[in-house]
Amino acid sequence: MEDQESLTQYPADLSDLDNSFTSSTSSYATTFASTSSARSSLSLSLNLPSFSSSSTVNPLPHSRSDPLWSSLRAATVLSPDGLLHLRHLQLLRPLGSGDLARVFHCRLRDNPNSDFALKVIDLDASTSSKKDRLSHVRAEAHVLAALDHPFLPTLYARLDASHYACFLIDYCPGGDLHSLLRRQPRHRLPLSSARFYAAEVLLALEYLHALGFLYRDLKPENVLLRADGHIMLSDFDLCFYSPVSPALHRMRCEQEKEGEELEFVAEPDTAFSRACVGTHEYLAPEIVSCNGHGNGVDWWAFGVFLYELLYGLTPFKGSTKEATLRNIVAKDVRFPEGDDDLAPARDLITRLLVKDPKSRMGCSRGAAEIKKHPFFDGVTWALIRSCSPPHCAGRGDAEKETKWGRFTGCLKKLGFRLLNKKKREKIGRLLV
């Protein structure tokens, strides 16, 4: 069968980014929701705005050998100004949407092996003030430009067009962790899988904190799965910077009674903000109470995240948002009965979900303290990037669903009726 991307039949010229932000109720447009975070249907007839600019990004040491950099250099050689522009990109399909931004799967033109994600932020969106939008864009640009870590995105280019700010970053074909959870029995992961994903997220948070960034938006929807099954955190517009003073602590070695070991800690423990940001089920009590918060909000969110991976729901979820916020402030974490093998996980979660941030695990010694908890026994931290990711039920289905969506979208556009379930499954197998 021919390359499935050709089914989208987008025009050779990308016309007007404005139209990509227009919601549509047509059957063709509604076939593109490939992940749970794609909450609105999008129309992709695009016209290139008259104004565009590009900021050159130089590869950092960790990602320098990525072949995508070579593809980008080849694409810009023929550009009159030697820079990458939106006209060099072919938008394939939307991946997700939010209040201010849309994310698209794209490729360099005439290069089928150059997959990227393009995050497009509308600076004229009516959902917030322009000052707030510019603040979010600056925060995300600042963070992305500093990242050089296997579990965090690489910023390949900053592209601006008209009233849009665009970031070219890594494409993750595996969808997000929230979608994967929804495909699991009882919406929960096996213990070993939860430990693996939690360990990689912990390393990403440790790196962000070492750079002085509070993440403040941890949730399964923001944990993406790369093609190899490893994770990538996304969405950094809520990040907050605070200076960090790295330190080496002498700690008594647990394995030897008289031995000592050095522990590296780089934690923004002086960070302070009064902003009320985040997802309500993941908010720390100090944010809900409007008392100001610091680095502890990320470790609280990590505890909620681990709880959701293991139990299929967040620990303080109520019947309404208001009820959830009241539970966060007033109630202690409770666990379902049984599952004795989860005792170390319950202990870690309990230590992370302490109401007082001064007593919360991670607030003083950061990820270095959390990595030593018995829940992570057996994790080889230095080699985790070389470990095989868990084979969870439904992993990889996001790409299959996307191929089927493109196929049925093409049929609908051509006026064909949808096939019955049996024929649909037969044709769907041909697209894998």
Foldseek 3Di string as FASTA:
>chain_A
DPDLLCLLVADLAFAAPVQQPDFDPDLLQVLFALAPQAPTGGDRRHHAFPDKDKDAADDDDQCNPPCLLVVLQVLQPPPPVSGDAPNQKDFRGWHHDDQFWTKTWIAGPPDPPNTWIKIKGQLPGPPDDSVLSVLLVVQVVVVQSPDRDPQAKHFRMWMDGDRITMTIIHDALQAWQQRLLVQAVLSADPLVQLLLQLLLVQVVCQVCQLQFKQQQEDARNQWGAHPQGHTHGDRRSPIDGADWDKDWDWAADPVDRPDIDIAIFTGRLVDWDQDQDYDLLLAALCNLVSVIDDNLSNLSSSLQRSCCNHRVHGQQDDPDSVSSNVCNNPPAGDDDPDDPVCVLSVVLSNQSSDNDSVRRPQSPRHSSRVCPRPSNPPDPSVCSVVDRRDDRPPGSVSNLSSSLSSVVSSCVVVPHDDDDPVVSVVVSVVSD
